[in-house]
PDB file of N, CA and C in Angstrom:
ATOM      1  N   MET A   1     102.322  98.775 126.740  1.00  0.00           N
ATOM      2  CA  MET A   1     103.377  97.837 127.044  1.00  0.00           C
ATOM      3  C   MET A   1     103.885  97.133 125.790  1.00  0.00           C
ATOM      4  N   GLU A   2     103.155  97.279 124.689  1.00  0.00           N
ATOM      5  CA  GLU A   2     103.574  96.614 123.456  1.00  0.00           C
ATOM      6  C   GLU A   2     104.868  97.211 122.914  1.00  0.00           C
ATOM      7  N   GLU A   3     105.076  98.498 123.110  1.00  0.00           N
ATOM      8  CA  GLU A   3     106.293  99.142 122.642  1.00  0.00           C
ATOM      9  C   GLU A   3     107.198  99.387 123.849  1.00  0.00           C
ATOM     10  N   PHE A   4     107.674  98.296 124.437  1.00  0.00           N
ATOM     11  CA  PHE A   4     108.381  98.362 125.707  1.00  0.00           C
ATOM     12  C   PHE A   4     109.652  99.208 125.626  1.00  0.00           C
ATOM     13  N   ALA A   5     110.435  99.065 124.585  1.00  0.00           N
ATOM     14  CA  ALA A   5     111.679  99.824 124.477  1.00  0.00           C
ATOM     15  C   ALA A   5     111.397 101.326 124.451  1.00  0.00           C
ATOM     16  N   LYS A   6     110.361 101.701 123.731  1.00  0.00           N
ATOM     17  CA  LYS A   6     109.983 103.119 123.658  1.00  0.00           C
ATOM     18  C   LYS A   6     109.519 103.607 125.030  1.00  0.00           C
ATOM     19  N   LEU A   7     108.701 102.808 125.689  1.00  0.00           N
ATOM     20  CA  LEU A   7     108.217 103.158 127.023  1.00  0.00           C
ATOM     21  C   LEU A   7     109.385 103.340 127.987  1.00  0.00           C
ATOM     22  N   SER A   8     110.302 102.408 127.980  1.00  0.00           N
ATOM     23  CA  SER A   8     111.449 102.460 128.878  1.00  0.00           C
ATOM     24  C   SER A   8     112.283 103.720 128.629  1.00  0.00           C
ATOM     25  N   ALA A   9     112.509 104.049 127.371  1.00  0.00           N
ATOM     26  CA  ALA A   9     113.286 105.246 127.025  1.00  0.00           C
ATOM     27  C   ALA A   9     112.569 106.517 127.481  1.00  0.00           C
ATOM     28  N   GLU A  10     111.266 106.569 127.306  1.00  0.00           N
ATOM     29  CA  GLU A  10     110.496 107.749 127.721  1.00  0.00           C
ATOM     30  C   GLU A  10     110.508 107.900 129.240  1.00  0.00           C
ATOM     31  N   VAL A  11     110.408 106.783 129.943  1.00  0.00           N
ATOM     32  CA  VAL A  11     110.446 106.829 131.407  1.00  0.00           C
ATOM     33  C   VAL A  11     111.805 107.364 131.868  1.00  0.00           C
ATOM     34  N   GLU A  12     112.871 106.881 131.277  1.00  0.00           N
ATOM     35  CA  GLU A  12     114.205 107.358 131.653  1.00  0.00           C
ATOM     36  C   GLU A  12     114.371 108.841 131.340  1.00  0.00           C
ATOM     37  N   LYS A  13     113.800 109.286 130.237  1.00  0.00           N
ATOM     38  CA  LYS A  13     113.855 110.699 129.877  1.00  0.00           C
ATOM     39  C   LYS A  13     113.141 111.536 130.947  1.00  0.00           C
ATOM     40  N   LEU A  14     111.978 111.094 131.367  1.00  0.00           N
ATOM     41  CA  LEU A  14     111.234 111.813 132.407  1.00  0.00           C
ATOM     42  C   LEU A  14     112.012 111.836 133.723  1.00  0.00           C
ATOM     43  N   ARG A  15     112.578 110.711 134.086  1.00  0.00           N
ATOM     44  CA  ARG A  15     113.351 110.656 135.333  1.00  0.00           C
ATOM     45  C   ARG A  15     114.560 111.579 135.267  1.00  0.00           C
ATOM     46  N   SER A  16     115.216 111.661 134.098  1.00  0.00           N
ATOM     47  CA  SER A  16     116.380 112.544 133.966  1.00  0.00           C
ATOM     48  C   SER A  16     115.990 114.016 134.091  1.00  0.00           C
ATOM     49  N   LEU A  17     114.722 114.327 133.844  1.00  0.00           N
ATOM     50  CA  LEU A  17     114.219 115.694 133.989  1.00  0.00           C
ATOM     51  C   LEU A  17     113.717 115.971 135.410  1.00  0.00           C
ATOM     52  N   GLY A  18     113.826 114.970 136.279  1.00  0.00           N
ATOM     53  CA  GLY A  18     113.451 115.160 137.674  1.00  0.00           C
ATOM     54  C   GLY A  18     112.066 114.679 138.045  1.00  0.00           C
ATOM     55  N   PHE A  19     111.341 114.070 137.113  1.00  0.00           N
ATOM     56  CA  PHE A  19     110.018 113.546 137.422  1.00  0.00           C
ATOM     57  C   PHE A  19     110.136 112.256 138.227  1.00  0.00           C
ATOM     58  N   LEU A  20     109.182 112.044 139.124  1.00  0.00           N
ATOM     59  CA  LEU A  20     109.073 110.769 139.820  1.00  0.00           C
ATOM     60  C   LEU A  20     108.160 109.868 139.003  1.00  0.00           C
ATOM     61  N   VAL A  21     108.500 108.597 138.930  1.00  0.00           N
ATOM     62  CA  VAL A  21     107.726 107.647 138.130  1.00  0.00           C
ATOM     63  C   VAL A  21     107.073 106.633 139.058  1.00  0.00           C
ATOM     64  N   GLU A  22     105.766 106.484 138.899  1.00  0.00           N
ATOM     65  CA  GLU A  22     104.998 105.558 139.718  1.00  0.00           C
ATOM     66  C   GLU A  22     104.362 104.492 138.840  1.00  0.00           C
ATOM     67  N   ILE A  23     104.227 103.294 139.411  1.00  0.00           N
ATOM     68  CA  ILE A  23     103.407 102.268 138.776  1.00  0.00           C
ATOM     69  C   ILE A  23     102.105 102.244 139.553  1.00  0.00           C
ATOM     70  N   ASP A  24     101.026 102.604 138.893  1.00  0.00           N
ATOM     71  CA  ASP A  24      99.710 102.630 139.520  1.00  0.00           C
ATOM     72  C   ASP A  24      99.084 101.245 139.439  1.00  0.00           C
ATOM     73  N   ASP A  25      98.228 100.942 140.389  1.00  0.00           N
ATOM     74  CA  ASP A  25      97.484  99.677 140.424  1.00  0.00           C
ATOM     75  C   ASP A  25      98.400  98.456 140.408  1.00  0.00           C
ATOM     76  N   PHE A  26      99.543  98.551 141.112  1.00  0.00           N
ATOM     77  CA  PHE A  26     100.455  97.409 141.145  1.00  0.00           C
ATOM     78  C   PHE A  26      99.761  96.238 141.816  1.00  0.00           C
ATOM     79  N   GLY A  27      99.883  95.082 141.206  1.00  0.00           N
ATOM     80  CA  GLY A  27      99.222  93.877 141.704  1.00  0.00           C
ATOM     81  C   GLY A  27      97.970  93.557 140.922  1.00  0.00           C
ATOM     82  N   ALA A  28      97.645  94.391 139.942  1.00  0.00           N
ATOM     83  CA  ALA A  28      96.453  94.176 139.115  1.00  0.00           C
ATOM     84  C   ALA A  28      96.750  94.668 137.702  1.00  0.00           C
ATOM     85  N   GLY A  29      95.968  94.242 136.771  1.00  0.00           N
ATOM     86  CA  GLY A  29      96.064  94.763 135.410  1.00  0.00           C
ATOM     87  C   GLY A  29      97.394  94.490 134.733  1.00  0.00           C
ATOM     88  N   TYR A  30      97.959  95.536 134.124  1.00  0.00           N
ATOM     89  CA  TYR A  30      99.166  95.392 133.315  1.00  0.00           C
ATOM     90  C   TYR A  30     100.463  95.394 134.106  1.00  0.00           C
ATOM     91  N   SER A  31     100.406  95.794 135.372  1.00  0.00           N
ATOM     92  CA  SER A  31     101.644  95.841 136.140  1.00  0.00           C
ATOM     93  C   SER A  31     102.109  94.425 136.448  1.00  0.00           C
ATOM     94  N   SER A  32     103.420  94.233 136.374  1.00  0.00           N
ATOM     95  CA  SER A  32     103.956  92.909 136.646  1.00  0.00           C
ATOM     96  C   SER A  32     105.370  93.035 137.188  1.00  0.00           C
ATOM     97  N   LEU A  33     105.901  91.931 137.669  1.00  0.00           N
ATOM     98  CA  LEU A  33     107.273  91.940 138.160  1.00  0.00           C
ATOM     99  C   LEU A  33     108.260  92.218 137.033  1.00  0.00           C
ATOM    100  N   ASN A  34     107.939  91.800 135.804  1.00  0.00           N
ATOM    101  CA  ASN A  34     108.817  92.113 134.679  1.00  0.00           C
ATOM    102  C   ASN A  34     108.904  93.616 134.457  1.00  0.00           C
ATOM    103  N   THR A  35     107.780  94.294 134.565  1.00  0.00           N
ATOM    104  CA  THR A  35     107.792  95.749 134.419  1.00  0.00           C
ATOM    105  C   THR A  35     108.686  96.356 135.490  1.00  0.00           C
ATOM    106  N   LEU A  36     108.528  95.885 136.703  1.00  0.00           N
ATOM    107  CA  LEU A  36     109.317  96.386 137.818  1.00  0.00           C
ATOM    108  C   LEU A  36     110.803  96.101 137.621  1.00  0.00           C
ATOM    109  N   LYS A  37     111.103  94.966 137.034  1.00  0.00           N
ATOM    110  CA  LYS A  37     112.503  94.577 136.788  1.00  0.00           C
ATOM    111  C   LYS A  37     113.138  95.438 135.701  1.00  0.00           C
ATOM    112  N   ASP A  38     112.355  95.781 134.691  1.00  0.00           N
ATOM    113  CA  ASP A  38     112.915  96.414 133.506  1.00  0.00           C
ATOM    114  C   ASP A  38     112.795  97.934 133.440  1.00  0.00           C
ATOM    115  N   ILE A  39     111.970  98.526 134.299  1.00  0.00           N
ATOM    116  CA  ILE A  39     111.791  99.976 134.271  1.00  0.00           C
ATOM    117  C   ILE A  39     112.097 100.529 135.654  1.00  0.00           C
ATOM    118  N   ASN A  40     112.904 101.579 135.703  1.00  0.00           N
ATOM    119  CA  ASN A  40     113.230 102.219 136.970  1.00  0.00           C
ATOM    120  C   ASN A  40     112.048 103.077 137.415  1.00  0.00           C
ATOM    121  N   VAL A  41     111.502 102.749 138.566  1.00  0.00           N
ATOM    122  CA  VAL A  41     110.376 103.513 139.102  1.00  0.00           C
ATOM    123  C   VAL A  41     110.706 103.985 140.510  1.00  0.00           C
ATOM    124  N   ASP A  42     109.970 104.994 140.954  1.00  0.00           N
ATOM    125  CA  ASP A  42     110.187 105.571 142.273  1.00  0.00           C
ATOM    126  C   ASP A  42     109.148 105.122 143.285  1.00  0.00           C
ATOM    127  N   LYS A  43     107.948 104.752 142.792  1.00  0.00           N
ATOM    128  CA  LYS A  43     106.871 104.423 143.713  1.00  0.00           C
ATOM    129  C   LYS A  43     105.970 103.348 143.125  1.00  0.00           C
ATOM    130  N   LEU A  44     105.538 102.440 143.996  1.00  0.00           N
ATOM    131  CA  LEU A  44     104.517 101.451 143.643  1.00  0.00           C
ATOM    132  C   LEU A  44     103.237 101.826 144.366  1.00  0.00           C
ATOM    133  N   LYS A  45     102.159 102.015 143.619  1.00  0.00           N
ATOM    134  CA  LYS A  45     100.851 102.219 144.223  1.00  0.00           C
ATOM    135  C   LYS A  45     100.161 100.861 144.235  1.00  0.00           C
ATOM    136  N   LEU A  46      99.991 100.307 145.424  1.00  0.00           N
ATOM    137  CA  LEU A  46      99.395  98.984 145.570  1.00  0.00           C
ATOM    138  C   LEU A  46      97.892  99.072 145.350  1.00  0.00           C
ATOM    139  N   ASP A  47      97.391  98.291 144.417  1.00  0.00           N
ATOM    140  CA  ASP A  47      95.975  98.319 144.068  1.00  0.00           C
ATOM    141  C   ASP A  47      95.115  97.895 145.253  1.00  0.00           C
ATOM    142  N   MET A  48      93.987  98.578 145.438  1.00  0.00           N
ATOM    143  CA  MET A  48      93.117  98.266 146.573  1.00  0.00           C
ATOM    144  C   MET A  48      92.571  96.845 146.510  1.00  0.00           C
ATOM    145  N   LYS A  49      92.374  96.298 145.324  1.00  0.00           N
ATOM    146  CA  LYS A  49      91.907  94.910 145.210  1.00  0.00           C
ATOM    147  C   LYS A  49      92.984  93.956 145.717  1.00  0.00           C
ATOM    148  N   PHE A  50      94.221  94.310 145.455  1.00  0.00           N
ATOM    149  CA  PHE A  50      95.358  93.527 145.903  1.00  0.00           C
ATOM    150  C   PHE A  50      95.369  93.476 147.428  1.00  0.00           C
ATOM    151  N   LEU A  51      94.989  94.575 148.061  1.00  0.00           N
ATOM    152  CA  LEU A  51      94.999  94.650 149.516  1.00  0.00           C
ATOM    153  C   LEU A  51      93.831  93.923 150.158  1.00  0.00           C
ATOM    154  N   SER A  52      92.797  93.641 149.394  1.00  0.00           N
ATOM    155  CA  SER A  52      91.637  92.952 149.981  1.00  0.00           C
ATOM    156  C   SER A  52      92.010  91.554 150.451  1.00  0.00           C
ATOM    157  N   GLY A  53      93.130  91.031 149.986  1.00  0.00           N
ATOM    158  CA  GLY A  53      93.589  89.713 150.401  1.00  0.00           C
ATOM    159  C   GLY A  53      94.219  89.685 151.773  1.00  0.00           C
ATOM    160  N   THR A  54      94.290  90.843 152.445  1.00  0.00           N
ATOM    161  CA  THR A  54      94.954  90.866 153.755  1.00  0.00           C
ATOM    162  C   THR A  54      94.112  90.260 154.863  1.00  0.00           C
ATOM    163  N   ASP A  55      92.923  89.771 154.507  1.00  0.00           N
ATOM    164  CA  ASP A  55      92.112  89.060 155.502  1.00  0.00           C
ATOM    165  C   ASP A  55      92.635  87.640 155.718  1.00  0.00           C
ATOM    166  N   SER A  56      93.345  87.103 154.741  1.00  0.00           N
ATOM    167  CA  SER A  56      93.872  85.741 154.865  1.00  0.00           C
ATOM    168  C   SER A  56      95.376  85.789 155.126  1.00  0.00           C
ATOM    169  N   GLU A  57      95.898  84.738 155.716  1.00  0.00           N
ATOM    170  CA  GLU A  57      97.344  84.669 155.967  1.00  0.00           C
ATOM    171  C   GLU A  57      98.134  84.730 154.661  1.00  0.00           C
ATOM    172  N   LYS A  58      97.636  84.034 153.646  1.00  0.00           N
ATOM    173  CA  LYS A  58      98.305  84.037 152.340  1.00  0.00           C
ATOM    174  C   LYS A  58      98.342  85.448 151.773  1.00  0.00           C
ATOM    175  N   GLY A  59      97.216  86.153 151.854  1.00  0.00           N
ATOM    176  CA  GLY A  59      97.162  87.532 151.363  1.00  0.00           C
ATOM    177  C   GLY A  59      98.119  88.437 152.112  1.00  0.00           C
ATOM    178  N   LYS A  60      98.185  88.271 153.434  1.00  0.00           N
ATOM    179  CA  LYS A  60      99.105  89.078 154.244  1.00  0.00           C
ATOM    180  C   LYS A  60     100.553  88.825 153.846  1.00  0.00           C
ATOM    181  N   LEU A  61     100.891  87.557 153.637  1.00  0.00           N
ATOM    182  CA  LEU A  61     102.265  87.215 153.238  1.00  0.00           C
ATOM    183  C   LEU A  61     102.634  87.844 151.904  1.00  0.00           C
ATOM    184  N   ILE A  62     101.699  87.840 150.977  1.00  0.00           N
ATOM    185  CA  ILE A  62     101.966  88.403 149.647  1.00  0.00           C
ATOM    186  C   ILE A  62     102.164  89.912 149.738  1.00  0.00           C
ATOM    187  N   VAL A  63     101.267  90.594 150.451  1.00  0.00           N
ATOM    188  CA  VAL A  63     101.397  92.052 150.586  1.00  0.00           C
ATOM    189  C   VAL A  63     102.701  92.408 151.299  1.00  0.00           C
ATOM    190  N   ALA A  64     103.023  91.698 152.369  1.00  0.00           N
ATOM    191  CA  ALA A  64     104.274  91.953 153.091  1.00  0.00           C
ATOM    192  C   ALA A  64     105.484  91.718 152.188  1.00  0.00           C
ATOM    193  N   ALA A  65     105.433  90.672 151.380  1.00  0.00           N
ATOM    194  CA  ALA A  65     106.553  90.362 150.475  1.00  0.00           C
ATOM    195  C   ALA A  65     106.732  91.457 149.423  1.00  0.00           C
ATOM    196  N   VAL A  66     105.628  91.966 148.880  1.00  0.00           N
ATOM    197  CA  VAL A  66     105.722  93.034 147.879  1.00  0.00           C
ATOM    198  C   VAL A  66     106.324  94.287 148.505  1.00  0.00           C
ATOM    199  N   ILE A  67     105.882  94.639 149.715  1.00  0.00           N
ATOM    200  CA  ILE A  67     106.420  95.819 150.391  1.00  0.00           C
ATOM    201  C   ILE A  67     107.901  95.629 150.698  1.00  0.00           C
ATOM    202  N   ASN A  68     108.285  94.453 151.175  1.00  0.00           N
ATOM    203  CA  ASN A  68     109.701  94.180 151.450  1.00  0.00           C
ATOM    204  C   ASN A  68     110.542  94.217 150.187  1.00  0.00           C
ATOM    205  N   MET A  69     109.996  93.669 149.086  1.00  0.00           N
ATOM    206  CA  MET A  69     110.715  93.701 147.820  1.00  0.00           C
ATOM    207  C   MET A  69     110.927  95.144 147.368  1.00  0.00           C
ATOM    208  N   ALA A  70     109.887  95.963 147.477  1.00  0.00           N
ATOM    209  CA  ALA A  70     109.997  97.370 147.075  1.00  0.00           C
ATOM    210  C   ALA A  70     111.048  98.082 147.926  1.00  0.00           C
ATOM    211  N   LYS A  71     111.035  97.825 149.235  1.00  0.00           N
ATOM    212  CA  LYS A  71     112.044  98.447 150.108  1.00  0.00           C
ATOM    213  C   LYS A  71     113.453  98.042 149.689  1.00  0.00           C
ATOM    214  N   ALA A  72     113.637  96.754 149.375  1.00  0.00           N
ATOM    215  CA  ALA A  72     114.950  96.271 148.956  1.00  0.00           C
ATOM    216  C   ALA A  72     115.405  96.924 147.660  1.00  0.00           C
ATOM    217  N   LEU A  73     114.439  97.304 146.818  1.00  0.00           N
ATOM    218  CA  LEU A  73     114.736  97.965 145.549  1.00  0.00           C
ATOM    219  C   LEU A  73     114.754  99.489 145.684  1.00  0.00           C
ATOM    220  N   ASN A  74     114.601  99.981 146.916  1.00  0.00           N
ATOM    221  CA  ASN A  74     114.583 101.416 147.182  1.00  0.00           C
ATOM    222  C   ASN A  74     113.409 102.122 146.495  1.00  0.00           C
ATOM    223  N   ILE A  75     112.259 101.457 146.509  1.00  0.00           N
ATOM    224  CA  ILE A  75     111.047 101.993 145.887  1.00  0.00           C
ATOM    225  C   ILE A  75     110.022 102.253 146.989  1.00  0.00           C
ATOM    226  N   THR A  76     109.439 103.435 146.984  1.00  0.00           N
ATOM    227  CA  THR A  76     108.402 103.801 147.942  1.00  0.00           C
ATOM    228  C   THR A  76     107.126 103.021 147.636  1.00  0.00           C
ATOM    229  N   THR A  77     106.395 102.634 148.675  1.00  0.00           N
ATOM    230  CA  THR A  77     105.103 101.978 148.473  1.00  0.00           C
ATOM    231  C   THR A  77     103.985 102.883 148.977  1.00  0.00           C
ATOM    232  N   LEU A  78     102.918 102.940 148.208  1.00  0.00           N
ATOM    233  CA  LEU A  78     101.714 103.676 148.587  1.00  0.00           C
ATOM    234  C   LEU A  78     100.549 102.717 148.451  1.00  0.00           C
ATOM    235  N   ALA A  79      99.845 102.483 149.540  1.00  0.00           N
ATOM    236  CA  ALA A  79      98.667 101.612 149.507  1.00  0.00           C
ATOM    237  C   ALA A  79      97.438 102.489 149.357  1.00  0.00           C
ATOM    238  N   GLU A  80      96.609 102.167 148.376  1.00  0.00           N
ATOM    239  CA  GLU A  80      95.392 102.945 148.174  1.00  0.00           C
ATOM    240  C   GLU A  80      94.179 102.136 148.617  1.00  0.00           C
ATOM    241  N   GLY A  81      93.113 102.845 148.914  1.00  0.00           N
ATOM    242  CA  GLY A  81      91.873 102.175 149.284  1.00  0.00           C
ATOM    243  C   GLY A  81      91.805 101.745 150.736  1.00  0.00           C
ATOM    244  N   ILE A  82      92.564 102.400 151.613  1.00  0.00           N
ATOM    245  CA  ILE A  82      92.543 102.040 153.031  1.00  0.00           C
ATOM    246  C   ILE A  82      91.223 102.522 153.633  1.00  0.00           C
ATOM    247  N   GLU A  83      90.491 101.586 154.223  1.00  0.00           N
ATOM    248  CA  GLU A  83      89.173 101.918 154.765  1.00  0.00           C
ATOM    249  C   GLU A  83      89.066 101.707 156.270  1.00  0.00           C
ATOM    250  N   THR A  84      90.007 100.970 156.866  1.00  0.00           N
ATOM    251  CA  THR A  84      89.895 100.683 158.298  1.00  0.00           C
ATOM    252  C   THR A  84      91.229 100.897 159.007  1.00  0.00           C
ATOM    253  N   LYS A  85      91.132 101.114 160.312  1.00  0.00           N
ATOM    254  CA  LYS A  85      92.326 101.246 161.150  1.00  0.00           C
ATOM    255  C   LYS A  85      93.148  99.959 161.101  1.00  0.00           C
ATOM    256  N   GLU A  86      92.456  98.822 161.066  1.00  0.00           N
ATOM    257  CA  GLU A  86      93.163  97.535 161.026  1.00  0.00           C
ATOM    258  C   GLU A  86      94.032  97.421 159.771  1.00  0.00           C
ATOM    259  N   GLN A  87      93.500  97.840 158.617  1.00  0.00           N
ATOM    260  CA  GLN A  87      94.296  97.820 157.385  1.00  0.00           C
ATOM    261  C   GLN A  87      95.512  98.738 157.516  1.00  0.00           C
ATOM    262  N   ALA A  88      95.286  99.947 158.024  1.00  0.00           N
ATOM    263  CA  ALA A  88      96.383 100.908 158.177  1.00  0.00           C
ATOM    264  C   ALA A  88      97.449 100.364 159.128  1.00  0.00           C
ATOM    265  N   ASP A  89      97.019  99.802 160.251  1.00  0.00           N
ATOM    266  CA  ASP A  89      97.972  99.247 161.223  1.00  0.00           C
ATOM    267  C   ASP A  89      98.783  98.106 160.624  1.00  0.00           C
ATOM    268  N   LEU A  90      98.118  97.238 159.884  1.00  0.00           N
ATOM    269  CA  LEU A  90      98.803  96.107 159.260  1.00  0.00           C
ATOM    270  C   LEU A  90      99.849  96.594 158.252  1.00  0.00           C
ATOM    271  N   LEU A  91      99.472  97.557 157.428  1.00  0.00           N
ATOM    272  CA  LEU A  91     100.403  98.083 156.432  1.00  0.00           C
ATOM    273  C   LEU A  91     101.576  98.810 157.079  1.00  0.00           C
ATOM    274  N   LEU A  92     101.319  99.521 158.161  1.00  0.00           N
ATOM    275  CA  LEU A  92     102.419 100.149 158.914  1.00  0.00           C
ATOM    276  C   LEU A  92     103.373  99.082 159.440  1.00  0.00           C
ATOM    277  N   LYS A  93     102.804  98.018 159.966  1.00  0.00           N
ATOM    278  CA  LYS A  93     103.614  96.901 160.479  1.00  0.00           C
ATOM    279  C   LYS A  93     104.485  96.307 159.378  1.00  0.00           C
ATOM    280  N   PHE A  94     103.945  96.224 158.174  1.00  0.00           N
ATOM    281  CA  PHE A  94     104.692  95.672 157.034  1.00  0.00           C
ATOM    282  C   PHE A  94     105.720  96.657 156.488  1.00  0.00           C
ATOM    283  N   GLY A  95     105.627  97.928 156.884  1.00  0.00           N
ATOM    284  CA  GLY A  95     106.597  98.921 156.418  1.00  0.00           C
ATOM    285  C   GLY A  95     106.144  99.741 155.230  1.00  0.00           C
ATOM    286  N   CYS A  96     104.853  99.729 154.938  1.00  0.00           N
ATOM    287  CA  CYS A  96     104.330 100.555 153.850  1.00  0.00           C
ATOM    288  C   CYS A  96     104.529 102.021 154.225  1.00  0.00           C
ATOM    289  N   SER A  97     105.116 102.806 153.331  1.00  0.00           N
ATOM    290  CA  SER A  97     105.492 104.168 153.699  1.00  0.00           C
ATOM    291  C   SER A  97     104.410 105.218 153.469  1.00  0.00           C
ATOM    292  N   GLU A  98     103.442 104.939 152.596  1.00  0.00           N
ATOM    293  CA  GLU A  98     102.386 105.912 152.325  1.00  0.00           C
ATOM    294  C   GLU A  98     101.052 105.186 152.158  1.00  0.00           C
ATOM    295  N   MET A  99      99.971 105.857 152.576  1.00  0.00           N
ATOM    296  CA  MET A  99      98.634 105.282 152.453  1.00  0.00           C
ATOM    297  C   MET A  99      97.633 106.371 152.101  1.00  0.00           C
ATOM    298  N   GLN A 100      96.576 105.952 151.421  1.00  0.00           N
ATOM    299  CA  GLN A 100      95.471 106.863 151.142  1.00  0.00           C
ATOM    300  C   GLN A 100      94.178 106.078 151.149  1.00  0.00           C
ATOM    301  N   GLY A 101      93.081 106.757 151.409  1.00  0.00           N
ATOM    302  CA  GLY A 101      91.786 106.099 151.385  1.00  0.00           C
ATOM    303  C   GLY A 101      90.797 106.781 152.305  1.00  0.00           C
ATOM    304  N   TYR A 102      89.582 106.276 152.294  1.00  0.00           N
ATOM    305  CA  TYR A 102      88.488 106.862 153.066  1.00  0.00           C
ATOM    306  C   TYR A 102      88.750 106.834 154.567  1.00  0.00           C
ATOM    307  N   TYR A 103      89.583 105.922 155.032  1.00  0.00           N
ATOM    308  CA  TYR A 103      89.897 105.903 156.457  1.00  0.00           C
ATOM    309  C   TYR A 103      90.494 107.249 156.883  1.00  0.00           C
ATOM    310  N   PHE A 104      91.287 107.849 156.012  1.00  0.00           N
ATOM    311  CA  PHE A 104      91.956 109.110 156.321  1.00  0.00           C
ATOM    312  C   PHE A 104      91.097 110.317 155.953  1.00  0.00           C
ATOM    313  N   SER A 105      90.442 110.252 154.790  1.00  0.00           N
ATOM    314  CA  SER A 105      89.588 111.359 154.356  1.00  0.00           C
ATOM    315  C   SER A 105      88.852 110.952 153.095  1.00  0.00           C
ATOM    316  N   LYS A 106      87.646 111.461 152.969  1.00  0.00           N
ATOM    317  CA  LYS A 106      86.928 111.324 151.705  1.00  0.00           C
ATOM    318  C   LYS A 106      87.564 112.307 150.724  1.00  0.00           C
ATOM    319  N   PRO A 107      87.339 112.146 149.420  1.00  0.00           N
ATOM    320  CA  PRO A 107      87.834 113.156 148.486  1.00  0.00           C
ATOM    321  C   PRO A 107      87.219 114.516 148.835  1.00  0.00           C
ATOM    322  N   VAL A 108      88.014 115.557 148.720  1.00  0.00           N
ATOM    323  CA  VAL A 108      87.536 116.892 149.073  1.00  0.00           C
ATOM    324  C   VAL A 108      87.757 117.856 147.907  1.00  0.00           C
ATOM    325  N   PRO A 109      86.925 118.891 147.816  1.00  0.00           N
ATOM    326  CA  PRO A 109      87.115 119.913 146.782  1.00  0.00           C
ATOM    327  C   PRO A 109      88.445 120.650 146.991  1.00  0.00           C
ATOM    328  N   LEU A 110      88.945 121.261 145.946  1.00  0.00           N
ATOM    329  CA  LEU A 110      90.232 121.954 145.977  1.00  0.00           C
ATOM    330  C   LEU A 110      90.319 122.954 147.125  1.00  0.00           C
ATOM    331  N   GLU A 111      89.284 123.756 147.317  1.00  0.00           N
ATOM    332  CA  GLU A 111      89.328 124.781 148.367  1.00  0.00           C
ATOM    333  C   GLU A 111      89.497 124.154 149.752  1.00  0.00           C
ATOM    334  N   GLU A 112      88.780 123.061 149.989  1.00  0.00           N
ATOM    335  CA  GLU A 112      88.894 122.389 151.282  1.00  0.00           C
ATOM    336  C   GLU A 112      90.274 121.765 151.441  1.00  0.00           C
ATOM    337  N   TYR A 113      90.812 121.212 150.353  1.00  0.00           N
ATOM    338  CA  TYR A 113      92.166 120.647 150.388  1.00  0.00           C
ATOM    339  C   TYR A 113      93.180 121.731 150.741  1.00  0.00           C
ATOM    340  N   GLU A 114      93.045 122.891 150.117  1.00  0.00           N
ATOM    341  CA  GLU A 114      93.973 123.990 150.411  1.00  0.00           C
ATOM    342  C   GLU A 114      93.861 124.430 151.868  1.00  0.00           C
ATOM    343  N   ASP A 115      92.638 124.450 152.396  1.00  0.00           N
ATOM    344  CA  ASP A 115      92.458 124.791 153.809  1.00  0.00           C
ATOM    345  C   ASP A 115      93.178 123.784 154.700  1.00  0.00           C
ATOM    346  N   LEU A 116      93.082 122.504 154.359  1.00  0.00           N
ATOM    347  CA  LEU A 116      93.777 121.468 155.118  1.00  0.00           C
ATOM    348  C   LEU A 116      95.290 121.617 154.973  1.00  0.00           C
ATOM    349  N   LEU A 117      95.739 121.849 153.751  1.00  0.00           N
ATOM    350  CA  LEU A 117      97.158 121.952 153.458  1.00  0.00           C
ATOM    351  C   LEU A 117      97.812 123.099 154.213  1.00  0.00           C
ATOM    352  N   PHE A 118      97.127 124.227 154.272  1.00  0.00           N
ATOM    353  CA  PHE A 118      97.702 125.420 154.905  1.00  0.00           C
ATOM    354  C   PHE A 118      97.282 125.592 156.358  1.00  0.00           C
ATOM    355  N   GLY A 119      96.667 124.551 156.942  1.00  0.00           N
ATOM    356  CA  GLY A 119      96.348 124.554 158.360  1.00  0.00           C
ATOM    357  C   GLY A 119      95.177 125.425 158.764  1.00  0.00           C
ATOM    358  N   ARG A 120      94.380 125.854 157.799  1.00  0.00           N
ATOM    359  CA  ARG A 120      93.209 126.669 158.126  1.00  0.00           C
ATOM    360  C   ARG A 120      92.051 125.801 158.594  1.00  0.00           C
ATOM    361  N   LYS A 121      92.204 124.487 158.422  1.00  0.00           N
ATOM    362  CA  LYS A 121      91.161 123.532 158.807  1.00  0.00           C
ATOM    363  C   LYS A 121      91.886 122.230 159.147  1.00  0.00           C
ATOM    364  N   THR A 122      91.293 121.413 159.993  1.00  0.00           N
ATOM    365  CA  THR A 122      91.885 120.115 160.324  1.00  0.00           C
ATOM    366  C   THR A 122      90.873 119.011 160.058  1.00  0.00           C
ATOM    367  N   LEU A 123      91.396 117.830 159.821  1.00  0.00           N
ATOM    368  CA  LEU A 123      90.553 116.655 159.653  1.00  0.00           C
ATOM    369  C   LEU A 123      90.043 116.204 161.011  1.00  0.00           C
ATOM    370  N   PRO A 124      88.869 115.588 161.053  1.00  0.00           N
ATOM    371  CA  PRO A 124      88.418 115.011 162.323  1.00  0.00           C
ATOM    372  C   PRO A 124      89.386 113.912 162.756  1.00  0.00           C
ATOM    373  N   ALA A 125      89.469 113.685 164.049  1.00  0.00           N
ATOM    374  CA  ALA A 125      90.377 112.656 164.592  1.00  0.00           C
ATOM    375  C   ALA A 125      89.997 111.282 164.041  1.00  0.00           C
ATOM    376  N   LEU A 126      91.029 110.477 163.757  1.00  0.00           N
ATOM    377  CA  LEU A 126      90.802 109.113 163.282  1.00  0.00           C
ATOM    378  C   LEU A 126      90.353 108.243 164.437  1.00  0.00           C
ATOM    379  N   ALA A 127      89.545 107.245 164.105  1.00  0.00           N
ATOM    380  CA  ALA A 127      89.040 106.321 165.138  1.00  0.00           C
ATOM    381  C   ALA A 127      90.157 105.468 165.681  1.00  0.00           C
TER     382      ALA A 127
END
């Protein structure tokens, strides 16, 4: 982030070549609203620590506001670290468009992923 102009130019170059640009771990670390304001991105990956605040009303309001802001900016949101049906339901209610985590599946080897992808195998039903 120290060479912001260079970073911004490289991101635009990648986007012009058809790459999608994501901000990983949004809500933690180096990601900030300034980054979001100054760099065109396609997806925000919401950090799982950021989502742990959804147990409180304040945490829920913040997560909902971030998702609404992303929608207003035409940016896809992906919540990572989903472990329970309640978390998934809450994020769906807020309008989060993509989710990943142990609630849906544990990490799987490539061969098993390909079996799932091509319909040769199915995941067990969600609770």
